[in-house]
Amino acid sequence: MQKNRYGLWRLSLLLCVTLCALGLAGCKNSTNGTDTAKYSIVCTTFPQYDWLREIIGENADCFSLTLLLDKGGDLHSYQPTAESIARISSADMFVYVGGESDTWVEDALKGAVNKDMRVVNLMDALGDNVREEELVEGMQCAVEEDESGETEYDEHIWLSLKNAVYLTIVLSDSVQELDAEHAQDYAANAAAYIESLNALDREYADAVKQSEKKTILFGDRFPFRYLTDDYGIHYYAAFAGCSTETDASFETVTFLSGKVDELGLHTILTIEESDQKIAEIIRENTHGKNQQIQTVNSLQSVTAKEIQDGFTYIKAMQDNLEVLKNALN
């Protein structure tokens, strides 16, 4: 009798260990001895990719998460490769910004192999919170309209922490639908991440409220309209955010140099990958000629190496806040 009980105990233990092993395997399937992720998600830009990493969290093994723009390229000039199109075609979920730079997406989706793919257009998700490209005083070249006469919208939606909160919810909902088994995990991860985003949002608001100045100036393109609108910051810039211009006119440089002097600004800003030549010319045409030139990261040129080294959306926005504090004081 005792032997039978011991045998039953061993059998129960074996079943328990087996079930636990299966549970730890989570979403993974074994094919010819090789583990492959159960779900595939393809993203065009880094911010959405990083938000999804936070949402997926401890269930990362369940997913093959691909970032298309991981070589430092710019969203506005990106052209997908045949390999990228193939990845999108078979994905369970595809996430893209949805602006003028993503006109290639429609053709890519026409030939999708996975007809049940979840497609998330972030600008569509934001709806009325998407803003038109803006022309401010002194900015070179007006906001252009295409041949159909349609207004061009600002694609840099990720540079608003408030947008990041809303879009994290949208992406979390989609991931929960994709993998309902772990839905509670994704909801909890999203909630924790949103707390971090909201805390940083409050830091930005407090910093601007306490700052001496309320205006910043870019000797560069200006993709930060969503951020400045969030906190009531005024701005001047050489070009609009989606502009392809690279050379500033005499009139633009003269105007911006005059604004630096008029407003007593001691910082001229640029975005990542800038050669800073326009900012330097603006500085040389001011009275003091001693302004700092600092870089704000618009998260448009993140590389796979940076991601491997621990680069995150929150870290980039924290670093941007420190530059902003300096520019406003």
C-alpha atoms as a PDB file:
ATOM      1  CA  MET A   1       0.000   0.000   0.000  1.00  0.00           C
ATOM      2  CA  GLN A   2       2.798   2.347   0.942  1.00  0.00           C
ATOM      3  CA  LYS A   3       4.608   1.454  -2.296  1.00  0.00           C
ATOM      4  CA  ASN A   4       1.508   2.342  -4.323  1.00  0.00           C
ATOM      5  CA  ARG A   5       1.200   5.678  -2.525  1.00  0.00           C
ATOM      6  CA  TYR A   6       4.856   6.402  -3.265  1.00  0.00           C
ATOM      7  CA  GLY A   7       4.298   5.523  -6.900  1.00  0.00           C
ATOM      8  CA  LEU A   8       1.283   7.810  -7.116  1.00  0.00           C
ATOM      9  CA  TRP A   9       3.269  10.600  -5.466  1.00  0.00           C
ATOM     10  CA  ARG A  10       6.083  10.195  -8.018  1.00  0.00           C
ATOM     11  CA  LEU A  11       3.566  10.226 -10.863  1.00  0.00           C
ATOM     12  CA  SER A  12       1.932  13.393  -9.513  1.00  0.00           C
ATOM     13  CA  LEU A  13       5.317  15.058  -9.148  1.00  0.00           C
ATOM     14  CA  LEU A  14       6.264  14.092 -12.706  1.00  0.00           C
ATOM     15  CA  LEU A  15       3.003  15.515 -14.050  1.00  0.00           C
ATOM     16  CA  CYS A  16       3.526  18.722 -12.080  1.00  0.00           C
ATOM     17  CA  VAL A  17       7.071  19.167 -13.397  1.00  0.00           C
ATOM     18  CA  THR A  18       5.885  18.480 -16.947  1.00  0.00           C
ATOM     19  CA  LEU A  19       3.070  21.008 -16.681  1.00  0.00           C
ATOM     20  CA  CYS A  20       5.410  23.609 -15.212  1.00  0.00           C
ATOM     21  CA  ALA A  21       7.875  23.040 -18.059  1.00  0.00           C
ATOM     22  CA  LEU A  22       5.089  23.543 -20.563  1.00  0.00           C
ATOM     23  CA  GLY A  23       4.027  26.686 -18.738  1.00  0.00           C
ATOM     24  CA  LEU A  24       7.573  28.049 -18.814  1.00  0.00           C
ATOM     25  CA  ALA A  25       7.728  27.319 -22.526  1.00  0.00           C
ATOM     26  CA  GLY A  26       4.863  29.798 -22.796  1.00  0.00           C
ATOM     27  CA  CYS A  27       4.134  30.666 -26.391  1.00  0.00           C
ATOM     28  CA  LYS A  28       6.929  28.654 -27.948  1.00  0.00           C
ATOM     29  CA  ASN A  29       6.447  25.807 -30.394  1.00  0.00           C
ATOM     30  CA  SER A  30       9.055  23.230 -31.214  1.00  0.00           C
ATOM     31  CA  THR A  31       9.680  22.468 -34.871  1.00  0.00           C
ATOM     32  CA  ASN A  32      12.366  19.901 -35.667  1.00  0.00           C
ATOM     33  CA  GLY A  33      13.944  20.636 -32.314  1.00  0.00           C
ATOM     34  CA  THR A  34      14.101  24.392 -32.904  1.00  0.00           C
ATOM     35  CA  ASP A  35      12.031  26.779 -30.835  1.00  0.00           C
ATOM     36  CA  THR A  36      10.215  29.489 -32.769  1.00  0.00           C
ATOM     37  CA  ALA A  37       8.111  32.355 -31.453  1.00  0.00           C
ATOM     38  CA  LYS A  38       4.395  31.923 -31.829  1.00  0.00           C
ATOM     39  CA  TYR A  39       3.555  35.517 -32.806  1.00  0.00           C
ATOM     40  CA  SER A  40       5.265  37.890 -35.221  1.00  0.00           C
ATOM     41  CA  ILE A  41       5.050  41.677 -34.914  1.00  0.00           C
ATOM     42  CA  VAL A  42       6.685  44.088 -37.376  1.00  0.00           C
ATOM     43  CA  CYS A  43       7.176  47.807 -36.571  1.00  0.00           C
ATOM     44  CA  THR A  44       8.427  50.584 -38.799  1.00  0.00           C
ATOM     45  CA  THR A  45       9.920  52.988 -36.213  1.00  0.00           C
ATOM     46  CA  PHE A  46      11.691  52.668 -32.868  1.00  0.00           C
ATOM     47  CA  PRO A  47       9.191  54.276 -30.443  1.00  0.00           C
ATOM     48  CA  GLN A  48       6.389  51.812 -31.292  1.00  0.00           C
ATOM     49  CA  TYR A  49       8.926  48.963 -31.142  1.00  0.00           C
ATOM     50  CA  ASP A  50      10.060  50.016 -27.672  1.00  0.00           C
ATOM     51  CA  TRP A  51       6.501  50.499 -26.382  1.00  0.00           C
ATOM     52  CA  LEU A  52       5.734  46.949 -27.514  1.00  0.00           C
ATOM     53  CA  ARG A  53       8.852  45.618 -25.780  1.00  0.00           C
ATOM     54  CA  GLU A  54       7.557  47.110 -22.544  1.00  0.00           C
ATOM     55  CA  ILE A  55       4.062  45.686 -23.079  1.00  0.00           C
ATOM     56  CA  ILE A  56       5.315  42.190 -23.938  1.00  0.00           C
ATOM     57  CA  GLY A  57       7.750  42.175 -21.041  1.00  0.00           C
ATOM     58  CA  GLU A  58       8.403  38.745 -19.559  1.00  0.00           C
ATOM     59  CA  ASN A  59       6.628  37.035 -22.473  1.00  0.00           C
ATOM     60  CA  ALA A  60       9.257  38.156 -24.980  1.00  0.00           C
ATOM     61  CA  ASP A  61       9.877  34.539 -26.010  1.00  0.00           C
ATOM     62  CA  CYS A  62       6.323  34.421 -27.340  1.00  0.00           C
ATOM     63  CA  PHE A  63       7.124  37.017 -29.996  1.00  0.00           C
ATOM     64  CA  SER A  64       9.331  37.720 -32.936  1.00  0.00           C
ATOM     65  CA  LEU A  65       9.471  41.527 -32.751  1.00  0.00           C
ATOM     66  CA  THR A  66      11.034  43.229 -35.774  1.00  0.00           C
ATOM     67  CA  LEU A  67      12.078  46.864 -36.219  1.00  0.00           C
ATOM     68  CA  LEU A  68      12.415  47.801 -39.892  1.00  0.00           C
ATOM     69  CA  LEU A  69      14.262  51.126 -39.453  1.00  0.00           C
ATOM     70  CA  ASP A  70      17.170  49.877 -37.332  1.00  0.00           C
ATOM     71  CA  LYS A  71      20.104  51.140 -39.390  1.00  0.00           C
ATOM     72  CA  GLY A  72      19.843  54.816 -38.515  1.00  0.00           C
ATOM     73  CA  GLY A  73      17.797  55.689 -41.588  1.00  0.00           C
ATOM     74  CA  ASP A  74      15.162  58.405 -41.619  1.00  0.00           C
ATOM     75  CA  LEU A  75      11.437  57.639 -41.768  1.00  0.00           C
ATOM     76  CA  HIS A  76      10.962  60.202 -44.548  1.00  0.00           C
ATOM     77  CA  SER A  77      13.388  58.493 -46.935  1.00  0.00           C
ATOM     78  CA  TYR A  78      12.791  54.856 -46.013  1.00  0.00           C
ATOM     79  CA  GLN A  79      12.133  52.356 -48.799  1.00  0.00           C
ATOM     80  CA  PRO A  80      11.365  48.764 -47.732  1.00  0.00           C
ATOM     81  CA  THR A  81      13.491  45.895 -49.000  1.00  0.00           C
ATOM     82  CA  ALA A  82      12.067  42.665 -50.418  1.00  0.00           C
ATOM     83  CA  GLU A  83      12.961  41.009 -47.099  1.00  0.00           C
ATOM     84  CA  SER A  84      11.016  43.659 -45.183  1.00  0.00           C
ATOM     85  CA  ILE A  85       7.966  43.211 -47.404  1.00  0.00           C
ATOM     86  CA  ALA A  86       8.136  39.446 -46.812  1.00  0.00           C
ATOM     87  CA  ARG A  87       8.291  39.950 -43.037  1.00  0.00           C
ATOM     88  CA  ILE A  88       5.279  42.254 -43.127  1.00  0.00           C
ATOM     89  CA  SER A  89       3.352  39.867 -45.375  1.00  0.00           C
ATOM     90  CA  SER A  90       3.507  36.992 -42.899  1.00  0.00           C
ATOM     91  CA  ALA A  91       3.258  39.000 -39.675  1.00  0.00           C
ATOM     92  CA  ASP A  92       0.495  38.547 -37.126  1.00  0.00           C
ATOM     93  CA  MET A  93       0.602  42.277 -36.374  1.00  0.00           C
ATOM     94  CA  PHE A  94       2.005  45.247 -38.284  1.00  0.00           C
ATOM     95  CA  VAL A  95       2.421  48.679 -36.697  1.00  0.00           C
ATOM     96  CA  TYR A  96       3.263  51.818 -38.673  1.00  0.00           C
ATOM     97  CA  VAL A  97       3.027  55.583 -38.239  1.00  0.00           C
ATOM     98  CA  GLY A  98       0.587  56.216 -41.081  1.00  0.00           C
ATOM     99  CA  GLY A  99       1.789  59.540 -42.472  1.00  0.00           C
ATOM    100  CA  GLU A 100       2.969  60.731 -45.860  1.00  0.00           C
ATOM    101  CA  SER A 101       6.222  58.770 -45.503  1.00  0.00           C
ATOM    102  CA  ASP A 102       4.287  55.490 -45.273  1.00  0.00           C
ATOM    103  CA  THR A 103       2.613  55.613 -48.685  1.00  0.00           C
ATOM    104  CA  TRP A 104       4.430  52.364 -49.552  1.00  0.00           C
ATOM    105  CA  VAL A 105       2.481  50.464 -46.875  1.00  0.00           C
ATOM    106  CA  GLU A 106      -0.724  50.109 -48.887  1.00  0.00           C
ATOM    107  CA  ASP A 107       1.050  48.200 -51.660  1.00  0.00           C
ATOM    108  CA  ALA A 108       2.952  46.097 -49.116  1.00  0.00           C
ATOM    109  CA  LEU A 109      -0.275  44.996 -47.445  1.00  0.00           C
ATOM    110  CA  LYS A 110      -2.025  44.085 -50.697  1.00  0.00           C
ATOM    111  CA  GLY A 111       0.042  40.945 -51.030  1.00  0.00           C
ATOM    112  CA  ALA A 112      -0.061  39.946 -47.368  1.00  0.00           C
ATOM    113  CA  VAL A 113      -0.019  36.188 -46.844  1.00  0.00           C
ATOM    114  CA  ASN A 114      -1.597  36.455 -43.401  1.00  0.00           C
ATOM    115  CA  LYS A 115      -5.142  37.644 -44.077  1.00  0.00           C
ATOM    116  CA  ASP A 116      -5.843  37.796 -40.312  1.00  0.00           C
ATOM    117  CA  MET A 117      -3.029  40.263 -39.660  1.00  0.00           C
ATOM    118  CA  ARG A 118      -3.763  43.022 -37.145  1.00  0.00           C
ATOM    119  CA  VAL A 119      -2.752  46.338 -38.721  1.00  0.00           C
ATOM    120  CA  VAL A 120      -2.255  49.345 -36.450  1.00  0.00           C
ATOM    121  CA  ASN A 121      -2.025  52.786 -38.082  1.00  0.00           C
ATOM    122  CA  LEU A 122      -0.905  55.035 -35.209  1.00  0.00           C
ATOM    123  CA  MET A 123      -2.029  58.316 -36.776  1.00  0.00           C
ATOM    124  CA  ASP A 124      -5.462  56.840 -37.444  1.00  0.00           C
ATOM    125  CA  ALA A 125      -5.563  55.696 -33.826  1.00  0.00           C
ATOM    126  CA  LEU A 126      -4.845  59.243 -32.631  1.00  0.00           C
ATOM    127  CA  GLY A 127      -7.620  60.688 -34.793  1.00  0.00           C
ATOM    128  CA  ASP A 128      -8.223  64.372 -34.114  1.00  0.00           C
ATOM    129  CA  ASN A 129      -5.054  64.600 -31.991  1.00  0.00           C
ATOM    130  CA  VAL A 130      -2.933  64.506 -35.166  1.00  0.00           C
ATOM    131  CA  ARG A 131      -1.743  67.988 -36.117  1.00  0.00           C
ATOM    132  CA  GLU A 132      -1.090  69.606 -39.468  1.00  0.00           C
ATOM    133  CA  GLU A 133       2.442  70.579 -40.443  1.00  0.00           C
ATOM    134  CA  GLU A 134       2.951  74.140 -39.258  1.00  0.00           C
ATOM    135  CA  LEU A 135       4.673  77.167 -40.725  1.00  0.00           C
ATOM    136  CA  VAL A 136       5.930  79.652 -38.137  1.00  0.00           C
ATOM    137  CA  GLU A 137       7.431  83.073 -38.691  1.00  0.00           C
ATOM    138  CA  GLY A 138      10.890  82.957 -40.232  1.00  0.00           C
ATOM    139  CA  MET A 139      10.689  79.290 -41.219  1.00  0.00           C
ATOM    140  CA  GLN A 140      12.050  78.602 -44.690  1.00  0.00           C
ATOM    141  CA  CYS A 141       9.547  77.118 -47.167  1.00  0.00           C
ATOM    142  CA  ALA A 142       5.841  76.939 -46.495  1.00  0.00           C
ATOM    143  CA  VAL A 143       3.999  73.768 -45.627  1.00  0.00           C
ATOM    144  CA  GLU A 144       3.502  72.251 -49.025  1.00  0.00           C
ATOM    145  CA  GLU A 145       0.408  70.589 -50.351  1.00  0.00           C
ATOM    146  CA  ASP A 146       0.588  67.607 -52.652  1.00  0.00           C
ATOM    147  CA  GLU A 147      -0.921  67.573 -56.135  1.00  0.00           C
ATOM    148  CA  SER A 148      -4.308  66.512 -54.770  1.00  0.00           C
ATOM    149  CA  GLY A 149      -4.395  69.581 -52.539  1.00  0.00           C
ATOM    150  CA  GLU A 150      -4.460  67.506 -49.345  1.00  0.00           C
ATOM    151  CA  THR A 151      -2.919  68.971 -46.198  1.00  0.00           C
ATOM    152  CA  GLU A 152       0.284  67.398 -44.942  1.00  0.00           C
ATOM    153  CA  TYR A 153       0.161  66.183 -41.345  1.00  0.00           C
ATOM    154  CA  ASP A 154       2.973  66.062 -38.816  1.00  0.00           C
ATOM    155  CA  GLU A 155       4.150  62.455 -38.512  1.00  0.00           C
ATOM    156  CA  HIS A 156       6.264  62.866 -35.380  1.00  0.00           C
ATOM    157  CA  ILE A 157       3.470  61.772 -33.060  1.00  0.00           C
ATOM    158  CA  TRP A 158       5.774  59.824 -30.712  1.00  0.00           C
ATOM    159  CA  LEU A 159       7.418  63.011 -29.420  1.00  0.00           C
ATOM    160  CA  SER A 160       4.417  63.673 -27.193  1.00  0.00           C
ATOM    161  CA  LEU A 161       4.436  61.701 -23.948  1.00  0.00           C
ATOM    162  CA  LYS A 162       0.665  62.112 -23.868  1.00  0.00           C
ATOM    163  CA  ASN A 163       0.423  60.448 -27.278  1.00  0.00           C
ATOM    164  CA  ALA A 164       2.774  57.729 -26.039  1.00  0.00           C
ATOM    165  CA  VAL A 165       0.369  56.944 -23.190  1.00  0.00           C
ATOM    166  CA  TYR A 166      -2.623  56.685 -25.505  1.00  0.00           C
ATOM    167  CA  LEU A 167      -0.774  54.612 -28.104  1.00  0.00           C
ATOM    168  CA  THR A 168       0.579  52.260 -25.448  1.00  0.00           C
ATOM    169  CA  ILE A 169      -3.035  51.492 -24.542  1.00  0.00           C
ATOM    170  CA  VAL A 170      -3.899  50.926 -28.226  1.00  0.00           C
ATOM    171  CA  LEU A 171      -0.951  48.578 -28.721  1.00  0.00           C
ATOM    172  CA  SER A 172      -1.606  46.746 -25.460  1.00  0.00           C
ATOM    173  CA  ASP A 173      -5.191  46.069 -26.532  1.00  0.00           C
ATOM    174  CA  SER A 174      -3.956  44.641 -29.848  1.00  0.00           C
ATOM    175  CA  VAL A 175      -1.369  42.406 -28.177  1.00  0.00           C
ATOM    176  CA  GLN A 176      -3.991  41.155 -25.720  1.00  0.00           C
ATOM    177  CA  GLU A 177      -6.238  40.198 -28.628  1.00  0.00           C
ATOM    178  CA  LEU A 178      -3.318  38.449 -30.307  1.00  0.00           C
ATOM    179  CA  ASP A 179      -2.324  36.437 -27.231  1.00  0.00           C
ATOM    180  CA  ALA A 180      -5.394  36.283 -24.997  1.00  0.00           C
ATOM    181  CA  GLU A 181      -3.754  33.648 -22.791  1.00  0.00           C
ATOM    182  CA  HIS A 182      -1.371  36.266 -21.356  1.00  0.00           C
ATOM    183  CA  ALA A 183      -3.692  39.264 -21.636  1.00  0.00           C
ATOM    184  CA  GLN A 184      -3.476  40.095 -17.929  1.00  0.00           C
ATOM    185  CA  ASP A 185       0.329  40.260 -18.163  1.00  0.00           C
ATOM    186  CA  TYR A 186       0.185  42.703 -21.058  1.00  0.00           C
ATOM    187  CA  ALA A 187      -2.420  44.884 -19.352  1.00  0.00           C
ATOM    188  CA  ALA A 188      -0.306  45.017 -16.169  1.00  0.00           C
ATOM    189  CA  ASN A 189       2.891  45.788 -18.091  1.00  0.00           C
ATOM    190  CA  ALA A 190       1.177  48.565 -20.029  1.00  0.00           C
ATOM    191  CA  ALA A 191      -0.229  50.067 -16.826  1.00  0.00           C
ATOM    192  CA  ALA A 192       3.220  50.104 -15.179  1.00  0.00           C
ATOM    193  CA  TYR A 193       4.806  51.644 -18.263  1.00  0.00           C
ATOM    194  CA  ILE A 194       2.102  54.295 -18.485  1.00  0.00           C
ATOM    195  CA  GLU A 195       2.891  55.280 -14.896  1.00  0.00           C
ATOM    196  CA  SER A 196       6.480  55.934 -15.980  1.00  0.00           C
ATOM    197  CA  LEU A 197       5.335  57.948 -19.003  1.00  0.00           C
ATOM    198  CA  ASN A 198       2.955  60.020 -16.895  1.00  0.00           C
ATOM    199  CA  ALA A 199       5.661  60.675 -14.298  1.00  0.00           C
ATOM    200  CA  LEU A 200       8.013  61.949 -17.008  1.00  0.00           C
ATOM    201  CA  ASP A 201       5.191  64.038 -18.489  1.00  0.00           C
ATOM    202  CA  ARG A 202       4.790  65.725 -15.099  1.00  0.00           C
ATOM    203  CA  GLU A 203       8.549  66.389 -14.973  1.00  0.00           C
ATOM    204  CA  TYR A 204       8.351  68.145 -18.332  1.00  0.00           C
ATOM    205  CA  ALA A 205       5.372  70.236 -17.232  1.00  0.00           C
ATOM    206  CA  ASP A 206       7.094  71.245 -13.976  1.00  0.00           C
ATOM    207  CA  ALA A 207      10.347  72.093 -15.760  1.00  0.00           C
ATOM    208  CA  VAL A 208       8.617  74.369 -18.262  1.00  0.00           C
ATOM    209  CA  LYS A 209       6.527  76.000 -15.542  1.00  0.00           C
ATOM    210  CA  GLN A 210       9.653  76.847 -13.557  1.00  0.00           C
ATOM    211  CA  SER A 211      11.764  77.947 -16.536  1.00  0.00           C
ATOM    212  CA  GLU A 212      12.829  81.530 -17.191  1.00  0.00           C
ATOM    213  CA  LYS A 213      12.099  81.351 -20.911  1.00  0.00           C
ATOM    214  CA  LYS A 214       9.253  79.810 -22.882  1.00  0.00           C
ATOM    215  CA  THR A 215      10.836  79.801 -26.352  1.00  0.00           C
ATOM    216  CA  ILE A 216      13.342  77.506 -28.056  1.00  0.00           C
ATOM    217  CA  LEU A 217      15.101  77.904 -31.383  1.00  0.00           C
ATOM    218  CA  PHE A 218      16.253  75.208 -33.826  1.00  0.00           C
ATOM    219  CA  GLY A 219      18.906  75.717 -36.468  1.00  0.00           C
ATOM    220  CA  ASP A 220      17.496  72.642 -38.120  1.00  0.00           C
ATOM    221  CA  ARG A 221      14.292  70.813 -39.012  1.00  0.00           C
ATOM    222  CA  PHE A 222      11.669  70.944 -36.279  1.00  0.00           C
ATOM    223  CA  PRO A 223       9.899  67.628 -35.530  1.00  0.00           C
ATOM    224  CA  PHE A 224       8.917  68.587 -31.966  1.00  0.00           C
ATOM    225  CA  ARG A 225       5.609  70.347 -32.479  1.00  0.00           C
ATOM    226  CA  TYR A 226       3.669  67.744 -30.467  1.00  0.00           C
ATOM    227  CA  LEU A 227       6.030  68.186 -27.528  1.00  0.00           C
ATOM    228  CA  THR A 228       5.974  71.998 -27.574  1.00  0.00           C
ATOM    229  CA  ASP A 229       2.181  72.046 -27.889  1.00  0.00           C
ATOM    230  CA  ASP A 230       1.878  69.788 -24.827  1.00  0.00           C
ATOM    231  CA  TYR A 231       3.710  72.266 -22.593  1.00  0.00           C
ATOM    232  CA  GLY A 232       2.981  75.640 -24.155  1.00  0.00           C
ATOM    233  CA  ILE A 233       6.497  76.211 -25.483  1.00  0.00           C
ATOM    234  CA  HIS A 234       6.991  78.648 -28.372  1.00  0.00           C
ATOM    235  CA  TYR A 235       9.536  77.860 -31.070  1.00  0.00           C
ATOM    236  CA  TYR A 236      11.383  79.118 -34.108  1.00  0.00           C
ATOM    237  CA  ALA A 237      13.146  76.869 -36.599  1.00  0.00           C
ATOM    238  CA  ALA A 238      14.870  76.848 -39.959  1.00  0.00           C
ATOM    239  CA  PHE A 239      12.579  74.218 -41.496  1.00  0.00           C
ATOM    240  CA  ALA A 240       9.392  72.293 -40.786  1.00  0.00           C
ATOM    241  CA  GLY A 241       9.711  68.784 -39.363  1.00  0.00           C
ATOM    242  CA  CYS A 242       9.156  66.908 -42.619  1.00  0.00           C
ATOM    243  CA  SER A 243      11.086  69.340 -44.806  1.00  0.00           C
ATOM    244  CA  THR A 244      13.767  68.015 -47.150  1.00  0.00           C
ATOM    245  CA  GLU A 245      15.587  71.375 -47.164  1.00  0.00           C
ATOM    246  CA  THR A 246      19.228  71.306 -46.078  1.00  0.00           C
ATOM    247  CA  ASP A 247      20.465  74.819 -46.850  1.00  0.00           C
ATOM    248  CA  ALA A 248      19.053  77.827 -45.036  1.00  0.00           C
ATOM    249  CA  SER A 249      18.626  81.069 -46.950  1.00  0.00           C
ATOM    250  CA  PHE A 250      20.211  84.369 -45.929  1.00  0.00           C
ATOM    251  CA  GLU A 251      16.766  85.593 -44.841  1.00  0.00           C
ATOM    252  CA  THR A 252      16.176  82.549 -42.629  1.00  0.00           C
ATOM    253  CA  VAL A 253      19.578  82.784 -40.950  1.00  0.00           C
ATOM    254  CA  THR A 254      19.214  86.537 -40.403  1.00  0.00           C
ATOM    255  CA  PHE A 255      15.765  86.132 -38.878  1.00  0.00           C
ATOM    256  CA  LEU A 256      16.807  83.331 -36.515  1.00  0.00           C
ATOM    257  CA  SER A 257      19.998  85.101 -35.451  1.00  0.00           C
ATOM    258  CA  GLY A 258      17.926  88.183 -34.681  1.00  0.00           C
ATOM    259  CA  LYS A 259      15.521  86.095 -32.567  1.00  0.00           C
ATOM    260  CA  VAL A 260      18.423  84.644 -30.574  1.00  0.00           C
ATOM    261  CA  ASP A 261      19.535  88.186 -29.735  1.00  0.00           C
ATOM    262  CA  GLU A 262      16.037  89.543 -29.150  1.00  0.00           C
ATOM    263  CA  LEU A 263      15.036  86.743 -26.765  1.00  0.00           C
ATOM    264  CA  GLY A 264      18.414  86.422 -25.068  1.00  0.00           C
ATOM    265  CA  LEU A 265      18.680  82.737 -25.929  1.00  0.00           C
ATOM    266  CA  HIS A 266      21.956  81.055 -25.026  1.00  0.00           C
ATOM    267  CA  THR A 267      21.210  77.725 -26.716  1.00  0.00           C
ATOM    268  CA  ILE A 268      20.607  76.825 -30.368  1.00  0.00           C
ATOM    269  CA  LEU A 269      19.142  73.359 -30.856  1.00  0.00           C
ATOM    270  CA  THR A 270      19.590  70.730 -33.536  1.00  0.00           C
ATOM    271  CA  ILE A 271      18.336  67.171 -34.002  1.00  0.00           C
ATOM    272  CA  GLU A 272      20.414  63.987 -34.092  1.00  0.00           C
ATOM    273  CA  GLU A 273      22.531  63.320 -37.196  1.00  0.00           C
ATOM    274  CA  SER A 274      22.759  67.061 -37.891  1.00  0.00           C
ATOM    275  CA  ASP A 275      26.088  68.470 -39.101  1.00  0.00           C
ATOM    276  CA  GLN A 276      25.150  71.628 -37.093  1.00  0.00           C
ATOM    277  CA  LYS A 277      26.348  73.917 -39.886  1.00  0.00           C
ATOM    278  CA  ILE A 278      23.156  75.986 -39.955  1.00  0.00           C
ATOM    279  CA  ALA A 279      23.219  76.335 -36.168  1.00  0.00           C
ATOM    280  CA  GLU A 280      26.836  77.487 -36.355  1.00  0.00           C
ATOM    281  CA  ILE A 281      26.003  80.080 -39.041  1.00  0.00           C
ATOM    282  CA  ILE A 282      23.112  81.374 -36.918  1.00  0.00           C
ATOM    283  CA  ARG A 283      25.448  81.677 -33.938  1.00  0.00           C
ATOM    284  CA  GLU A 284      28.093  83.536 -35.984  1.00  0.00           C
ATOM    285  CA  ASN A 285      25.463  86.099 -36.963  1.00  0.00           C
ATOM    286  CA  THR A 286      24.411  86.907 -33.387  1.00  0.00           C
ATOM    287  CA  HIS A 287      25.895  89.711 -31.299  1.00  0.00           C
ATOM    288  CA  GLY A 288      27.410  87.402 -28.683  1.00  0.00           C
ATOM    289  CA  LYS A 289      28.492  84.526 -30.939  1.00  0.00           C
ATOM    290  CA  ASN A 290      28.758  82.384 -27.800  1.00  0.00           C
ATOM    291  CA  GLN A 291      25.577  80.296 -27.696  1.00  0.00           C
ATOM    292  CA  GLN A 292      25.725  76.573 -26.968  1.00  0.00           C
ATOM    293  CA  ILE A 293      24.662  74.200 -29.730  1.00  0.00           C
ATOM    294  CA  GLN A 294      22.886  71.192 -28.268  1.00  0.00           C
ATOM    295  CA  THR A 295      21.163  68.160 -29.740  1.00  0.00           C
ATOM    296  CA  VAL A 296      17.645  66.924 -29.029  1.00  0.00           C
ATOM    297  CA  ASN A 297      16.874  63.354 -30.072  1.00  0.00           C
ATOM    298  CA  SER A 298      13.825  62.998 -32.312  1.00  0.00           C
ATOM    299  CA  LEU A 299      14.160  59.168 -32.242  1.00  0.00           C
ATOM    300  CA  GLN A 300      14.163  58.929 -36.018  1.00  0.00           C
ATOM    301  CA  SER A 301      17.598  57.349 -36.461  1.00  0.00           C
ATOM    302  CA  VAL A 302      17.927  54.676 -33.773  1.00  0.00           C
ATOM    303  CA  THR A 303      20.233  51.799 -34.711  1.00  0.00           C
ATOM    304  CA  ALA A 304      20.244  48.129 -33.755  1.00  0.00           C
ATOM    305  CA  LYS A 305      23.559  48.736 -31.941  1.00  0.00           C
ATOM    306  CA  GLU A 306      22.005  51.463 -29.772  1.00  0.00           C
ATOM    307  CA  ILE A 307      19.097  49.188 -28.905  1.00  0.00           C
ATOM    308  CA  GLN A 308      21.508  46.395 -27.998  1.00  0.00           C
ATOM    309  CA  ASP A 309      23.351  48.844 -25.739  1.00  0.00           C
ATOM    310  CA  GLY A 310      20.154  49.643 -23.816  1.00  0.00           C
ATOM    311  CA  PHE A 311      18.669  52.617 -25.656  1.00  0.00           C
ATOM    312  CA  THR A 312      15.004  53.184 -24.740  1.00  0.00           C
ATOM    313  CA  TYR A 313      12.237  55.671 -25.492  1.00  0.00           C
ATOM    314  CA  ILE A 314      12.047  56.809 -21.861  1.00  0.00           C
ATOM    315  CA  LYS A 315      15.821  57.291 -21.608  1.00  0.00           C
ATOM    316  CA  ALA A 316      15.851  59.395 -24.784  1.00  0.00           C
ATOM    317  CA  MET A 317      12.981  61.555 -23.544  1.00  0.00           C
ATOM    318  CA  GLN A 318      14.693  61.995 -20.179  1.00  0.00           C
ATOM    319  CA  ASP A 319      17.856  63.151 -21.944  1.00  0.00           C
ATOM    320  CA  ASN A 320      15.766  65.523 -24.080  1.00  0.00           C
ATOM    321  CA  LEU A 321      14.280  66.995 -20.915  1.00  0.00           C
ATOM    322  CA  GLU A 322      17.729  67.863 -19.583  1.00  0.00           C
ATOM    323  CA  VAL A 323      18.598  69.650 -22.841  1.00  0.00           C
ATOM    324  CA  LEU A 324      15.258  71.453 -22.769  1.00  0.00           C
ATOM    325  CA  LYS A 325      15.818  72.631 -19.188  1.00  0.00           C
ATOM    326  CA  ASN A 326      19.146  74.109 -20.216  1.00  0.00           C
ATOM    327  CA  ALA A 327      17.672  75.822 -23.290  1.00  0.00           C
ATOM    328  CA  LEU A 328      14.839  77.415 -21.297  1.00  0.00           C
ATOM    329  CA  ASN A 329      16.973  78.765 -18.429  1.00  0.00           C
END
